[in-house]
Amino acid sequence: MNRFPVKKGFFDTQDKLKTGEHKKGRHYTVDGDFSVYPATKRDVDPERLEFLQNEGYVGTEPIEE
């Protein structure tokens, strides 16, 4: 599974946390706790990833871990 750098902030409504303050989904930011997408080890729908990349939210080159 590849992870990608976040280029601009967004809420990922498909990745909701269990705490009350995160009902809108996980908040990805460039300089924050969630600056790599996806933040957890989960499979992301290829169409969703392509959309985020096309809109400039996440980078196209995966991060090497």
Protein backbone atom coordinates (compact mmCIF):
# COMPACT_ATOMS: atom_id res chain seq x y z
CA MET A 1 0.00 0.00 0.00
CA ASN A 2 1.38 3.38 -1.01
CA ARG A 3 1.05 6.57 0.99
CA PHE A 4 1.20 10.04 -0.52
CA PRO A 5 2.14 13.53 0.73
CA VAL A 6 -0.71 15.96 1.38
CA LYS A 7 -0.44 19.11 -0.78
CA LYS A 8 -3.45 21.05 0.60
CA GLY A 9 -5.88 20.50 3.44
CA PHE A 10 -9.11 18.54 3.13
CA PHE A 11 -11.55 16.44 5.12
CA ASP A 12 -11.64 12.79 4.09
CA THR A 13 -15.26 11.94 4.73
CA GLN A 14 -14.56 8.28 3.91
CA ASP A 15 -12.18 8.03 6.89
CA LYS A 16 -14.24 8.95 9.96
CA LEU A 17 -12.74 8.71 13.41
CA LYS A 18 -14.67 7.41 16.37
CA THR A 19 -14.31 10.54 18.49
CA GLY A 20 -17.09 13.10 18.52
CA GLU A 21 -15.01 16.01 17.25
CA HIS A 22 -14.14 14.23 13.98
CA LYS A 23 -17.62 13.54 12.59
CA LYS A 24 -16.70 15.20 9.26
CA GLY A 25 -13.90 12.73 8.70
CA ARG A 26 -10.17 12.85 9.14
CA HIS A 27 -8.73 16.33 8.56
CA TYR A 28 -5.59 16.15 6.42
CA THR A 29 -3.27 19.16 6.46
CA VAL A 30 0.14 20.00 5.04
CA ASP A 31 1.73 20.68 8.45
CA GLY A 32 -0.25 18.59 10.90
CA ASP A 33 -0.84 15.20 12.42
CA PHE A 34 -2.25 13.86 9.15
CA SER A 35 0.14 15.08 6.47
CA VAL A 36 0.38 11.70 4.71
CA TYR A 37 -2.55 10.08 2.90
CA PRO A 38 -3.96 7.68 3.94
CA ALA A 39 -3.09 8.15 7.60
CA THR A 40 -3.87 4.56 8.49
CA LYS A 41 -3.16 1.24 6.84
CA ARG A 42 -6.31 1.04 4.77
CA ASP A 43 -7.09 0.44 1.14
CA VAL A 44 -8.21 3.49 -0.79
CA ASP A 45 -10.47 3.21 -3.79
CA PRO A 46 -8.32 3.95 -6.89
CA GLU A 47 -10.95 6.39 -8.20
CA ARG A 48 -10.90 8.28 -4.88
CA LEU A 49 -7.10 8.51 -4.95
CA GLU A 50 -7.13 9.69 -8.57
CA PHE A 51 -9.71 12.37 -7.73
CA LEU A 52 -7.62 13.66 -4.79
CA GLN A 53 -4.51 13.74 -6.98
CA ASN A 54 -6.28 15.48 -9.88
CA GLU A 55 -7.69 18.13 -7.53
CA GLY A 56 -4.22 18.75 -6.05
CA TYR A 57 -4.97 17.49 -2.53
CA VAL A 58 -2.34 14.73 -2.51
CA GLY A 59 0.86 14.20 -4.47
CA THR A 60 1.29 11.70 -7.25
CA GLU A 61 4.61 10.26 -6.09
CA PRO A 62 4.35 7.81 -3.18
CA ILE A 63 6.40 8.31 -0.04
CA GLU A 64 9.04 5.67 0.53
CA GLU A 65 8.84 4.16 3.99
